[in-house]
């Protein structure tokens, strides 16, 4: 019985340390830091806000979401939304526009880091 409680206690401590570590990753990101955009999950990004295809096409761009994968981006702005989530504004490191139309995109930092959509360089 004691080993059961010890294992539950150890598991609980591990979860606490992992959650603290995950929160620290988001707080360590500053303006000017470089991140890498990861792979698409289920055909779309969940934590990175990309423009809809029709807006891209209307502005004369190419609506290919896979072209965003593995791009190195720079954090240009950090803000909190009304729910307390950290929202970052990202621009491409090479100065080009996303889809040849948009200078910046936004992402929920913590969700994007946790899901692997954004990775630290």
PDB file of N, CA and C in Angstrom:
ATOM      1  N   UNK A   1       0.818  -1.186   0.000  1.00  0.00           N
ATOM      2  CA  UNK A   1       0.000   0.000   0.000  1.00  0.00           C
ATOM      3  C   UNK A   1       0.871   1.263   0.000  1.00  0.00           C
ATOM      4  N   UNK A   2       1.991   1.232   0.737  1.00  0.00           N
ATOM      5  CA  UNK A   2       2.873   2.396   0.787  1.00  0.00           C
ATOM      6  C   UNK A   2       3.517   2.645  -0.574  1.00  0.00           C
ATOM      7  N   UNK A   3       3.864   1.588  -1.285  1.00  0.00           N
ATOM      8  CA  UNK A   3       4.497   1.768  -2.594  1.00  0.00           C
ATOM      9  C   UNK A   3       3.518   2.404  -3.580  1.00  0.00           C
ATOM     10  N   UNK A   4       2.236   2.086  -3.441  1.00  0.00           N
ATOM     11  CA  UNK A   4       1.224   2.682  -4.303  1.00  0.00           C
ATOM     12  C   UNK A   4       1.180   4.192  -4.083  1.00  0.00           C
ATOM     13  N   UNK A   5       1.133   4.620  -2.835  1.00  0.00           N
ATOM     14  CA  UNK A   5       1.091   6.048  -2.528  1.00  0.00           C
ATOM     15  C   UNK A   5       2.390   6.744  -2.927  1.00  0.00           C
ATOM     16  N   UNK A   6       3.517   6.055  -2.773  1.00  0.00           N
ATOM     17  CA  UNK A   6       4.792   6.639  -3.179  1.00  0.00           C
ATOM     18  C   UNK A   6       4.828   6.852  -4.690  1.00  0.00           C
ATOM     19  N   UNK A   7       4.315   5.875  -5.421  1.00  0.00           N
ATOM     20  CA  UNK A   7       4.321   5.998  -6.879  1.00  0.00           C
ATOM     21  C   UNK A   7       3.358   7.102  -7.329  1.00  0.00           C
ATOM     22  N   UNK A   8       2.203   7.220  -6.692  1.00  0.00           N
ATOM     23  CA  UNK A   8       1.258   8.295  -7.023  1.00  0.00           C
ATOM     24  C   UNK A   8       1.883   9.651  -6.700  1.00  0.00           C
ATOM     25  N   UNK A   9       2.538   9.759  -5.546  1.00  0.00           N
ATOM     26  CA  UNK A   9       3.189  11.005  -5.148  1.00  0.00           C
ATOM     27  C   UNK A   9       4.300  11.375  -6.135  1.00  0.00           C
ATOM     28  N   UNK A  10       5.087  10.386  -6.534  1.00  0.00           N
ATOM     29  CA  UNK A  10       6.176  10.629  -7.489  1.00  0.00           C
ATOM     30  C   UNK A  10       5.619  11.071  -8.836  1.00  0.00           C
ATOM     31  N   UNK A  11       4.563  10.432  -9.276  1.00  0.00           N
ATOM     32  CA  UNK A  11       3.925  10.803 -10.538  1.00  0.00           C
ATOM     33  C   UNK A  11       3.386  12.234 -10.462  1.00  0.00           C
ATOM     34  N   UNK A  12       2.778  12.565  -9.344  1.00  0.00           N
ATOM     35  CA  UNK A  12       2.266  13.926  -9.162  1.00  0.00           C
ATOM     36  C   UNK A  12       3.370  14.959  -9.203  1.00  0.00           C
ATOM     37  N   UNK A  13       4.484  14.684  -8.559  1.00  0.00           N
ATOM     38  CA  UNK A  13       5.613  15.614  -8.580  1.00  0.00           C
ATOM     39  C   UNK A  13       6.165  15.790  -9.990  1.00  0.00           C
ATOM     40  N   UNK A  14       6.241  14.694 -10.723  1.00  0.00           N
ATOM     41  CA  UNK A  14       6.739  14.775 -12.093  1.00  0.00           C
ATOM     42  C   UNK A  14       5.827  15.656 -12.946  1.00  0.00           C
ATOM     43  N   UNK A  15       4.515  15.508 -12.786  1.00  0.00           N
ATOM     44  CA  UNK A  15       3.579  16.333 -13.547  1.00  0.00           C
ATOM     45  C   UNK A  15       3.721  17.809 -13.185  1.00  0.00           C
ATOM     46  N   UNK A  16       3.913  18.103 -11.905  1.00  0.00           N
ATOM     47  CA  UNK A  16       4.095  19.489 -11.484  1.00  0.00           C
ATOM     48  C   UNK A  16       5.353  20.075 -12.108  1.00  0.00           C
ATOM     49  N   UNK A  17       6.463  19.337 -12.065  1.00  0.00           N
ATOM     50  CA  UNK A  17       7.710  19.838 -12.641  1.00  0.00           C
ATOM     51  C   UNK A  17       7.603  20.016 -14.144  1.00  0.00           C
ATOM     52  N   UNK A  18       6.912  19.102 -14.829  1.00  0.00           N
ATOM     53  CA  UNK A  18       6.748  19.235 -16.272  1.00  0.00           C
ATOM     54  C   UNK A  18       5.905  20.450 -16.620  1.00  0.00           C
ATOM     55  N   UNK A  19       4.856  20.709 -15.863  1.00  0.00           N
ATOM     56  CA  UNK A  19       4.019  21.869 -16.155  1.00  0.00           C
ATOM     57  C   UNK A  19       4.768  23.165 -15.877  1.00  0.00           C
ATOM     58  N   UNK A  20       5.576  23.186 -14.813  1.00  0.00           N
ATOM     59  CA  UNK A  20       6.382  24.373 -14.528  1.00  0.00           C
ATOM     60  C   UNK A  20       7.392  24.593 -15.643  1.00  0.00           C
ATOM     61  N   UNK A  21       8.009  23.519 -16.115  1.00  0.00           N
ATOM     62  CA  UNK A  21       8.979  23.621 -17.205  1.00  0.00           C
ATOM     63  C   UNK A  21       8.315  24.132 -18.477  1.00  0.00           C
ATOM     64  N   UNK A  22       7.111  23.660 -18.775  1.00  0.00           N
ATOM     65  CA  UNK A  22       6.405  24.100 -19.977  1.00  0.00           C
ATOM     66  C   UNK A  22       6.054  25.576 -19.877  1.00  0.00           C
ATOM     67  N   UNK A  23       5.671  26.048 -18.708  1.00  0.00           N
ATOM     68  CA  UNK A  23       5.356  27.455 -18.540  1.00  0.00           C
ATOM     69  C   UNK A  23       6.609  28.307 -18.680  1.00  0.00           C
ATOM     70  N   UNK A  24       7.732  27.813 -18.217  1.00  0.00           N
ATOM     71  CA  UNK A  24       8.977  28.560 -18.328  1.00  0.00           C
ATOM     72  C   UNK A  24       9.412  28.703 -19.773  1.00  0.00           C
ATOM     73  N   UNK A  25       9.134  27.708 -20.625  1.00  0.00           N
ATOM     74  CA  UNK A  25       9.525  27.807 -22.036  1.00  0.00           C
ATOM     75  C   UNK A  25       8.870  29.007 -22.697  1.00  0.00           C
ATOM     76  N   UNK A  26       7.580  29.219 -22.414  1.00  0.00           N
ATOM     77  CA  UNK A  26       6.872  30.342 -23.022  1.00  0.00           C
ATOM     78  C   UNK A  26       7.360  31.668 -22.458  1.00  0.00           C
ATOM     79  N   UNK A  27       7.714  31.703 -21.186  1.00  0.00           N
ATOM     80  CA  UNK A  27       8.151  32.963 -20.599  1.00  0.00           C
ATOM     81  C   UNK A  27       9.582  33.313 -20.991  1.00  0.00           C
ATOM     82  N   UNK A  28      10.329  32.358 -21.502  1.00  0.00           N
ATOM     83  CA  UNK A  28      11.700  32.618 -21.925  1.00  0.00           C
ATOM     84  C   UNK A  28      11.779  33.242 -23.314  1.00  0.00           C
ATOM     85  N   UNK A  29      10.693  33.241 -24.060  1.00  0.00           N
ATOM     86  CA  UNK A  29      10.672  33.795 -25.409  1.00  0.00           C
ATOM     87  C   UNK A  29      10.565  35.314 -25.312  1.00  0.00           C
ATOM     88  N   UNK A  30      11.447  36.010 -25.998  1.00  0.00           N
ATOM     89  CA  UNK A  30      11.474  37.465 -26.009  1.00  0.00           C
ATOM     90  C   UNK A  30      11.384  37.975 -27.441  1.00  0.00           C
ATOM     91  N   UNK A  31      11.141  39.270 -27.583  1.00  0.00           N
ATOM     92  CA  UNK A  31      11.112  39.894 -28.904  1.00  0.00           C
ATOM     93  C   UNK A  31      12.497  39.767 -29.523  1.00  0.00           C
ATOM     94  N   UNK A  32      12.545  39.326 -30.761  1.00  0.00           N
ATOM     95  CA  UNK A  32      13.811  39.130 -31.473  1.00  0.00           C
ATOM     96  C   UNK A  32      14.275  37.687 -31.475  1.00  0.00           C
ATOM     97  N   UNK A  33      13.649  36.820 -30.666  1.00  0.00           N
ATOM     98  CA  UNK A  33      14.024  35.403 -30.656  1.00  0.00           C
ATOM     99  C   UNK A  33      13.565  34.727 -31.941  1.00  0.00           C
ATOM    100  N   UNK A  34      14.335  33.741 -32.367  1.00  0.00           N
ATOM    101  CA  UNK A  34      14.011  33.012 -33.589  1.00  0.00           C
ATOM    102  C   UNK A  34      13.378  31.678 -33.233  1.00  0.00           C
ATOM    103  N   UNK A  35      12.319  31.327 -33.950  1.00  0.00           N
ATOM    104  CA  UNK A  35      11.602  30.070 -33.790  1.00  0.00           C
ATOM    105  C   UNK A  35      11.489  29.406 -35.151  1.00  0.00           C
ATOM    106  N   UNK A  36      11.188  28.117 -35.143  1.00  0.00           N
ATOM    107  CA  UNK A  36      10.998  27.360 -36.383  1.00  0.00           C
ATOM    108  C   UNK A  36       9.563  26.866 -36.411  1.00  0.00           C
ATOM    109  N   UNK A  37       8.884  27.062 -37.524  1.00  0.00           N
ATOM    110  CA  UNK A  37       7.522  26.560 -37.684  1.00  0.00           C
ATOM    111  C   UNK A  37       7.608  25.084 -38.027  1.00  0.00           C
ATOM    112  N   UNK A  38       6.862  24.261 -37.285  1.00  0.00           N
ATOM    113  CA  UNK A  38       6.892  22.815 -37.467  1.00  0.00           C
ATOM    114  C   UNK A  38       5.970  22.348 -38.578  1.00  0.00           C
ATOM    115  N   UNK A  39       5.643  21.065 -38.526  1.00  0.00           N
ATOM    116  CA  UNK A  39       4.811  20.430 -39.549  1.00  0.00           C
ATOM    117  C   UNK A  39       3.330  20.676 -39.278  1.00  0.00           C
ATOM    118  N   UNK A  40       2.526  20.595 -40.338  1.00  0.00           N
ATOM    119  CA  UNK A  40       1.075  20.689 -40.211  1.00  0.00           C
ATOM    120  C   UNK A  40       0.534  19.484 -39.459  1.00  0.00           C
ATOM    121  N   UNK A  41      -0.464  19.718 -38.606  1.00  0.00           N
ATOM    122  CA  UNK A  41      -1.147  18.612 -37.944  1.00  0.00           C
ATOM    123  C   UNK A  41      -2.575  18.582 -38.457  1.00  0.00           C
ATOM    124  N   UNK A  42      -3.005  17.467 -38.999  1.00  0.00           N
ATOM    125  CA  UNK A  42      -4.351  17.293 -39.548  1.00  0.00           C
ATOM    126  C   UNK A  42      -4.671  18.292 -40.664  1.00  0.00           C
ATOM    127  N   UNK A  43      -3.672  18.691 -41.416  1.00  0.00           N
ATOM    128  CA  UNK A  43      -3.905  19.572 -42.554  1.00  0.00           C
ATOM    129  C   UNK A  43      -3.972  21.052 -42.234  1.00  0.00           C
ATOM    130  N   UNK A  44      -4.023  21.415 -40.949  1.00  0.00           N
ATOM    131  CA  UNK A  44      -4.077  22.826 -40.566  1.00  0.00           C
ATOM    132  C   UNK A  44      -3.255  23.047 -39.308  1.00  0.00           C
ATOM    133  N   UNK A  45      -2.880  24.292 -39.096  1.00  0.00           N
ATOM    134  CA  UNK A  45      -2.244  24.657 -37.845  1.00  0.00           C
ATOM    135  C   UNK A  45      -3.333  25.005 -36.844  1.00  0.00           C
ATOM    136  N   UNK A  46      -3.226  24.500 -35.630  1.00  0.00           N
ATOM    137  CA  UNK A  46      -4.224  24.760 -34.611  1.00  0.00           C
ATOM    138  C   UNK A  46      -3.894  26.008 -33.795  1.00  0.00           C
ATOM    139  N   UNK A  47      -2.626  26.258 -33.530  1.00  0.00           N
ATOM    140  CA  UNK A  47      -2.211  27.346 -32.647  1.00  0.00           C
ATOM    141  C   UNK A  47      -1.663  28.557 -33.392  1.00  0.00           C
ATOM    142  N   UNK A  48      -1.350  28.383 -34.645  1.00  0.00           N
ATOM    143  CA  UNK A  48      -0.846  29.488 -35.464  1.00  0.00           C
ATOM    144  C   UNK A  48      -2.006  29.983 -36.320  1.00  0.00           C
ATOM    145  N   UNK A  49      -2.275  31.279 -36.237  1.00  0.00           N
ATOM    146  CA  UNK A  49      -3.387  31.865 -36.978  1.00  0.00           C
ATOM    147  C   UNK A  49      -2.902  32.283 -38.357  1.00  0.00           C
ATOM    148  N   UNK A  50      -3.342  31.547 -39.354  1.00  0.00           N
ATOM    149  CA  UNK A  50      -2.992  31.855 -40.741  1.00  0.00           C
ATOM    150  C   UNK A  50      -4.209  32.451 -41.433  1.00  0.00           C
ATOM    151  N   UNK A  51      -3.991  33.309 -42.429  1.00  0.00           N
ATOM    152  CA  UNK A  51      -5.128  33.876 -43.157  1.00  0.00           C
ATOM    153  C   UNK A  51      -5.869  32.803 -43.945  1.00  0.00           C
ATOM    154  N   UNK A  52      -7.155  33.040 -44.139  1.00  0.00           N
ATOM    155  CA  UNK A  52      -7.956  32.096 -44.919  1.00  0.00           C
ATOM    156  C   UNK A  52      -7.534  32.141 -46.379  1.00  0.00           C
ATOM    157  N   UNK A  53      -7.776  31.026 -47.055  1.00  0.00           N
ATOM    158  CA  UNK A  53      -7.345  30.895 -48.448  1.00  0.00           C
ATOM    159  C   UNK A  53      -7.916  31.997 -49.343  1.00  0.00           C
ATOM    160  N   UNK A  54      -9.200  32.339 -49.146  1.00  0.00           N
ATOM    161  CA  UNK A  54      -9.796  33.338 -50.027  1.00  0.00           C
ATOM    162  C   UNK A  54      -9.156  34.716 -49.851  1.00  0.00           C
ATOM    163  N   UNK A  55      -8.705  35.064 -48.639  1.00  0.00           N
ATOM    164  CA  UNK A  55      -8.022  36.344 -48.443  1.00  0.00           C
ATOM    165  C   UNK A  55      -6.653  36.350 -49.116  1.00  0.00           C
ATOM    166  N   UNK A  56      -5.985  35.203 -49.068  1.00  0.00           N
ATOM    167  CA  UNK A  56      -4.675  35.097 -49.722  1.00  0.00           C
ATOM    168  C   UNK A  56      -4.833  35.263 -51.227  1.00  0.00           C
ATOM    169  N   UNK A  57      -5.804  34.563 -51.808  1.00  0.00           N
ATOM    170  CA  UNK A  57      -6.023  34.606 -53.258  1.00  0.00           C
ATOM    171  C   UNK A  57      -6.478  35.996 -53.695  1.00  0.00           C
ATOM    172  N   UNK A  58      -7.360  36.639 -52.912  1.00  0.00           N
ATOM    173  CA  UNK A  58      -7.835  37.982 -53.266  1.00  0.00           C
ATOM    174  C   UNK A  58      -6.704  38.993 -53.312  1.00  0.00           C
ATOM    175  N   UNK A  59      -5.689  38.792 -52.490  1.00  0.00           N
ATOM    176  CA  UNK A  59      -4.552  39.718 -52.464  1.00  0.00           C
ATOM    177  C   UNK A  59      -3.449  39.306 -53.436  1.00  0.00           C
ATOM    178  N   UNK A  60      -3.712  38.269 -54.243  1.00  0.00           N
ATOM    179  CA  UNK A  60      -2.773  37.869 -55.271  1.00  0.00           C
ATOM    180  C   UNK A  60      -1.700  36.913 -54.798  1.00  0.00           C
ATOM    181  N   UNK A  61      -1.919  36.249 -53.676  1.00  0.00           N
ATOM    182  CA  UNK A  61      -0.928  35.334 -53.135  1.00  0.00           C
ATOM    183  C   UNK A  61      -1.175  33.893 -53.538  1.00  0.00           C
ATOM    184  N   UNK A  62      -0.314  33.042 -53.049  1.00  0.00           N
ATOM    185  CA  UNK A  62      -0.403  31.611 -53.317  1.00  0.00           C
ATOM    186  C   UNK A  62      -0.818  30.930 -52.022  1.00  0.00           C
ATOM    187  N   UNK A  63      -1.983  30.319 -51.994  1.00  0.00           N
ATOM    188  CA  UNK A  63      -2.554  29.731 -50.782  1.00  0.00           C
ATOM    189  C   UNK A  63      -2.058  28.310 -50.570  1.00  0.00           C
ATOM    190  N   UNK A  64      -0.785  28.167 -50.254  1.00  0.00           N
ATOM    191  CA  UNK A  64      -0.181  26.870 -49.997  1.00  0.00           C
ATOM    192  C   UNK A  64       0.335  26.869 -48.561  1.00  0.00           C
ATOM    193  N   UNK A  65      -0.424  26.269 -47.641  1.00  0.00           N
ATOM    194  CA  UNK A  65      -0.056  26.272 -46.230  1.00  0.00           C
ATOM    195  C   UNK A  65       1.207  25.470 -45.948  1.00  0.00           C
ATOM    196  N   UNK A  66       1.518  24.508 -46.799  1.00  0.00           N
ATOM    197  CA  UNK A  66       2.744  23.730 -46.587  1.00  0.00           C
ATOM    198  C   UNK A  66       4.002  24.563 -46.813  1.00  0.00           C
ATOM    199  N   UNK A  67       3.867  25.683 -47.502  1.00  0.00           N
ATOM    200  CA  UNK A  67       5.028  26.542 -47.731  1.00  0.00           C
ATOM    201  C   UNK A  67       5.500  27.213 -46.442  1.00  0.00           C
ATOM    202  N   UNK A  68       4.681  27.194 -45.408  1.00  0.00           N
ATOM    203  CA  UNK A  68       5.025  27.810 -44.129  1.00  0.00           C
ATOM    204  C   UNK A  68       5.900  26.879 -43.286  1.00  0.00           C
ATOM    205  N   UNK A  69       5.813  25.578 -43.527  1.00  0.00           N
ATOM    206  CA  UNK A  69       6.560  24.598 -42.738  1.00  0.00           C
ATOM    207  C   UNK A  69       8.062  24.846 -42.820  1.00  0.00           C
ATOM    208  N   UNK A  70       8.728  24.641 -41.696  1.00  0.00           N
ATOM    209  CA  UNK A  70      10.186  24.738 -41.556  1.00  0.00           C
ATOM    210  C   UNK A  70      10.748  26.130 -41.829  1.00  0.00           C
ATOM    211  N   UNK A  71       9.908  27.162 -41.814  1.00  0.00           N
ATOM    212  CA  UNK A  71      10.396  28.535 -41.940  1.00  0.00           C
ATOM    213  C   UNK A  71      10.951  28.999 -40.607  1.00  0.00           C
ATOM    214  N   UNK A  72      12.017  29.760 -40.658  1.00  0.00           N
ATOM    215  CA  UNK A  72      12.544  30.391 -39.456  1.00  0.00           C
ATOM    216  C   UNK A  72      11.852  31.742 -39.332  1.00  0.00           C
ATOM    217  N   UNK A  73      11.257  31.988 -38.161  1.00  0.00           N
ATOM    218  CA  UNK A  73      10.517  33.228 -37.930  1.00  0.00           C
ATOM    219  C   UNK A  73      11.104  33.964 -36.727  1.00  0.00           C
ATOM    220  N   UNK A  74      10.869  35.261 -36.688  1.00  0.00           N
ATOM    221  CA  UNK A  74      11.356  36.112 -35.608  1.00  0.00           C
ATOM    222  C   UNK A  74      10.150  36.672 -34.864  1.00  0.00           C
ATOM    223  N   UNK A  75      10.211  36.675 -33.537  1.00  0.00           N
ATOM    224  CA  UNK A  75       9.141  37.227 -32.715  1.00  0.00           C
ATOM    225  C   UNK A  75       9.245  38.755 -32.779  1.00  0.00           C
ATOM    226  N   UNK A  76       8.174  39.419 -33.238  1.00  0.00           N
ATOM    227  CA  UNK A  76       8.188  40.881 -33.346  1.00  0.00           C
ATOM    228  C   UNK A  76       7.346  41.557 -32.274  1.00  0.00           C
ATOM    229  N   UNK A  77       6.406  40.837 -31.673  1.00  0.00           N
ATOM    230  CA  UNK A  77       5.542  41.427 -30.656  1.00  0.00           C
ATOM    231  C   UNK A  77       5.025  40.315 -29.745  1.00  0.00           C
ATOM    232  N   UNK A  78       4.896  40.618 -28.458  1.00  0.00           N
ATOM    233  CA  UNK A  78       4.345  39.679 -27.493  1.00  0.00           C
ATOM    234  C   UNK A  78       3.256  40.394 -26.722  1.00  0.00           C
ATOM    235  N   UNK A  79       2.075  39.762 -26.625  1.00  0.00           N
ATOM    236  CA  UNK A  79       0.965  40.353 -25.877  1.00  0.00           C
ATOM    237  C   UNK A  79       0.145  39.261 -25.224  1.00  0.00           C
ATOM    238  N   UNK A  80      -0.668  39.643 -24.262  1.00  0.00           N
ATOM    239  CA  UNK A  80      -1.575  38.715 -23.583  1.00  0.00           C
ATOM    240  C   UNK A  80      -2.988  38.978 -24.077  1.00  0.00           C
ATOM    241  N   UNK A  81      -3.759  37.903 -24.296  1.00  0.00           N
ATOM    242  CA  UNK A  81      -5.152  38.096 -24.661  1.00  0.00           C
ATOM    243  C   UNK A  81      -6.006  38.131 -23.395  1.00  0.00           C
ATOM    244  N   UNK A  82      -7.328  38.238 -23.553  1.00  0.00           N
ATOM    245  CA  UNK A  82      -8.206  38.383 -22.391  1.00  0.00           C
ATOM    246  C   UNK A  82      -8.262  37.117 -21.539  1.00  0.00           C
ATOM    247  N   UNK A  83      -7.865  35.974 -22.096  1.00  0.00           N
ATOM    248  CA  UNK A  83      -7.843  34.709 -21.345  1.00  0.00           C
ATOM    249  C   UNK A  83      -6.511  34.452 -20.671  1.00  0.00           C
ATOM    250  N   UNK A  84      -5.546  35.356 -20.857  1.00  0.00           N
ATOM    251  CA  UNK A  84      -4.237  35.196 -20.249  1.00  0.00           C
ATOM    252  C   UNK A  84      -3.247  34.422 -21.098  1.00  0.00           C
ATOM    253  N   UNK A  85      -3.619  34.072 -22.328  1.00  0.00           N
ATOM    254  CA  UNK A  85      -2.708  33.374 -23.233  1.00  0.00           C
ATOM    255  C   UNK A  85      -1.703  34.350 -23.826  1.00  0.00           C
ATOM    256  N   UNK A  86      -0.498  33.874 -24.054  1.00  0.00           N
ATOM    257  CA  UNK A  86       0.540  34.692 -24.667  1.00  0.00           C
ATOM    258  C   UNK A  86       0.432  34.565 -26.180  1.00  0.00           C
ATOM    259  N   UNK A  87       0.193  35.701 -26.844  1.00  0.00           N
ATOM    260  CA  UNK A  87       0.070  35.741 -28.293  1.00  0.00           C
ATOM    261  C   UNK A  87       1.320  36.425 -28.841  1.00  0.00           C
ATOM    262  N   UNK A  88       1.981  35.771 -29.791  1.00  0.00           N
ATOM    263  CA  UNK A  88       3.180  36.344 -30.402  1.00  0.00           C
ATOM    264  C   UNK A  88       2.904  36.664 -31.867  1.00  0.00           C
ATOM    265  N   UNK A  89       3.527  37.728 -32.331  1.00  0.00           N
ATOM    266  CA  UNK A  89       3.465  38.089 -33.740  1.00  0.00           C
ATOM    267  C   UNK A  89       4.789  37.676 -34.364  1.00  0.00           C
ATOM    268  N   UNK A  90       4.715  37.009 -35.497  1.00  0.00           N
ATOM    269  CA  UNK A  90       5.894  36.426 -36.128  1.00  0.00           C
ATOM    270  C   UNK A  90       6.075  36.969 -37.537  1.00  0.00           C
ATOM    271  N   UNK A  91       7.326  37.231 -37.907  1.00  0.00           N
ATOM    272  CA  UNK A  91       7.638  37.569 -39.293  1.00  0.00           C
ATOM    273  C   UNK A  91       8.743  36.633 -39.757  1.00  0.00           C
ATOM    274  N   UNK A  92       8.839  36.447 -41.059  1.00  0.00           N
ATOM    275  CA  UNK A  92       9.860  35.553 -41.596  1.00  0.00           C
ATOM    276  C   UNK A  92      11.245  36.149 -41.413  1.00  0.00           C
ATOM    277  N   UNK A  93      12.202  35.302 -41.127  1.00  0.00           N
ATOM    278  CA  UNK A  93      13.569  35.735 -40.872  1.00  0.00           C
ATOM    279  C   UNK A  93      14.218  36.316 -42.121  1.00  0.00           C
ATOM    280  N   UNK A  94      13.863  35.793 -43.296  1.00  0.00           N
ATOM    281  CA  UNK A  94      14.485  36.251 -44.538  1.00  0.00           C
ATOM    282  C   UNK A  94      13.834  37.512 -45.101  1.00  0.00           C
ATOM    283  N   UNK A  95      12.825  38.050 -44.435  1.00  0.00           N
ATOM    284  CA  UNK A  95      12.198  39.296 -44.869  1.00  0.00           C
ATOM    285  C   UNK A  95      11.083  39.135 -45.876  1.00  0.00           C
ATOM    286  N   UNK A  96      10.891  37.937 -46.405  1.00  0.00           N
ATOM    287  CA  UNK A  96       9.818  37.710 -47.377  1.00  0.00           C
ATOM    288  C   UNK A  96       8.474  37.689 -46.655  1.00  0.00           C
ATOM    289  N   UNK A  97       7.416  37.758 -47.435  1.00  0.00           N
ATOM    290  CA  UNK A  97       6.067  37.730 -46.879  1.00  0.00           C
ATOM    291  C   UNK A  97       5.548  36.292 -46.867  1.00  0.00           C
ATOM    292  N   UNK A  98       4.635  36.010 -45.934  1.00  0.00           N
ATOM    293  CA  UNK A  98       3.950  34.725 -45.924  1.00  0.00           C
ATOM    294  C   UNK A  98       2.962  34.728 -47.083  1.00  0.00           C
ATOM    295  N   UNK A  99       2.987  33.717 -47.912  1.00  0.00           N
ATOM    296  CA  UNK A  99       2.096  33.542 -49.066  1.00  0.00           C
ATOM    297  C   UNK A  99       2.211  34.706 -50.055  1.00  0.00           C
ATOM    298  N   UNK A 100       3.292  35.458 -50.012  1.00  0.00           N
ATOM    299  CA  UNK A 100       3.528  36.641 -50.842  1.00  0.00           C
ATOM    300  C   UNK A 100       2.531  37.762 -50.562  1.00  0.00           C
ATOM    301  N   UNK A 101       1.815  37.709 -49.428  1.00  0.00           N
ATOM    302  CA  UNK A 101       0.811  38.728 -49.143  1.00  0.00           C
ATOM    303  C   UNK A 101       0.880  39.293 -47.725  1.00  0.00           C
ATOM    304  N   UNK A 102       1.246  38.506 -46.736  1.00  0.00           N
ATOM    305  CA  UNK A 102       1.155  38.919 -45.338  1.00  0.00           C
ATOM    306  C   UNK A 102       2.543  39.058 -44.710  1.00  0.00           C
ATOM    307  N   UNK A 103       2.794  40.208 -44.083  1.00  0.00           N
ATOM    308  CA  UNK A 103       4.085  40.438 -43.445  1.00  0.00           C
ATOM    309  C   UNK A 103       4.234  39.618 -42.174  1.00  0.00           C
ATOM    310  N   UNK A 104       3.155  39.516 -41.392  1.00  0.00           N
ATOM    311  CA  UNK A 104       3.225  38.818 -40.106  1.00  0.00           C
ATOM    312  C   UNK A 104       2.044  37.878 -39.927  1.00  0.00           C
ATOM    313  N   UNK A 105       2.229  36.925 -39.019  1.00  0.00           N
ATOM    314  CA  UNK A 105       1.155  36.049 -38.568  1.00  0.00           C
ATOM    315  C   UNK A 105       1.211  36.009 -37.046  1.00  0.00           C
ATOM    316  N   UNK A 106       0.148  35.521 -36.421  1.00  0.00           N
ATOM    317  CA  UNK A 106       0.103  35.436 -34.964  1.00  0.00           C
ATOM    318  C   UNK A 106      -0.036  33.983 -34.541  1.00  0.00           C
ATOM    319  N   UNK A 107       0.408  33.718 -33.296  1.00  0.00           N
ATOM    320  CA  UNK A 107       0.317  32.360 -32.765  1.00  0.00           C
ATOM    321  C   UNK A 107       0.129  32.409 -31.256  1.00  0.00           C
ATOM    322  N   UNK A 108      -0.607  31.433 -30.731  1.00  0.00           N
ATOM    323  CA  UNK A 108      -0.709  31.227 -29.291  1.00  0.00           C
ATOM    324  C   UNK A 108       0.571  30.501 -28.892  1.00  0.00           C
ATOM    325  N   UNK A 109       1.445  31.174 -28.171  1.00  0.00           N
ATOM    326  CA  UNK A 109       2.796  30.680 -27.938  1.00  0.00           C
ATOM    327  C   UNK A 109       2.820  29.356 -27.195  1.00  0.00           C
ATOM    328  N   UNK A 110       2.136  29.263 -26.070  1.00  0.00           N
ATOM    329  CA  UNK A 110       2.211  28.055 -25.253  1.00  0.00           C
ATOM    330  C   UNK A 110       1.640  26.846 -25.985  1.00  0.00           C
ATOM    331  N   UNK A 111       0.483  27.022 -26.619  1.00  0.00           N
ATOM    332  CA  UNK A 111      -0.126  25.907 -27.362  1.00  0.00           C
ATOM    333  C   UNK A 111       0.756  25.478 -28.531  1.00  0.00           C
ATOM    334  N   UNK A 112       1.334  26.449 -29.214  1.00  0.00           N
ATOM    335  CA  UNK A 112       2.178  26.133 -30.372  1.00  0.00           C
ATOM    336  C   UNK A 112       3.448  25.399 -29.944  1.00  0.00           C
ATOM    337  N   UNK A 113       4.051  25.795 -28.834  1.00  0.00           N
ATOM    338  CA  UNK A 113       5.240  25.102 -28.341  1.00  0.00           C
ATOM    339  C   UNK A 113       4.900  23.693 -27.870  1.00  0.00           C
ATOM    340  N   UNK A 114       3.766  23.555 -27.178  1.00  0.00           N
ATOM    341  CA  UNK A 114       3.363  22.238 -26.674  1.00  0.00           C
ATOM    342  C   UNK A 114       3.029  21.271 -27.797  1.00  0.00           C
ATOM    343  N   UNK A 115       2.391  21.758 -28.864  1.00  0.00           N
ATOM    344  CA  UNK A 115       1.982  20.875 -29.957  1.00  0.00           C
ATOM    345  C   UNK A 115       3.092  20.641 -30.972  1.00  0.00           C
ATOM    346  N   UNK A 116       4.173  21.415 -30.898  1.00  0.00           N
ATOM    347  CA  UNK A 116       5.275  21.242 -31.840  1.00  0.00           C
ATOM    348  C   UNK A 116       5.123  22.081 -33.100  1.00  0.00           C
ATOM    349  N   UNK A 117       4.088  22.925 -33.156  1.00  0.00           N
ATOM    350  CA  UNK A 117       3.932  23.783 -34.314  1.00  0.00           C
ATOM    351  C   UNK A 117       5.017  24.855 -34.361  1.00  0.00           C
ATOM    352  N   UNK A 118       5.495  25.267 -33.200  1.00  0.00           N
ATOM    353  CA  UNK A 118       6.644  26.159 -33.095  1.00  0.00           C
ATOM    354  C   UNK A 118       7.709  25.480 -32.265  1.00  0.00           C
ATOM    355  N   UNK A 119       8.950  25.634 -32.696  1.00  0.00           N
ATOM    356  CA  UNK A 119      10.072  25.046 -31.974  1.00  0.00           C
ATOM    357  C   UNK A 119      11.123  26.120 -31.759  1.00  0.00           C
ATOM    358  N   UNK A 120      11.812  26.062 -30.626  1.00  0.00           N
ATOM    359  CA  UNK A 120      12.887  27.005 -30.401  1.00  0.00           C
ATOM    360  C   UNK A 120      14.085  26.588 -31.235  1.00  0.00           C
ATOM    361  N   UNK A 121      14.842  27.550 -31.650  1.00  0.00           N
ATOM    362  CA  UNK A 121      15.985  27.255 -32.531  1.00  0.00           C
ATOM    363  C   UNK A 121      17.196  26.910 -31.726  1.00  0.00           C
TER     364      UNK A 121
END
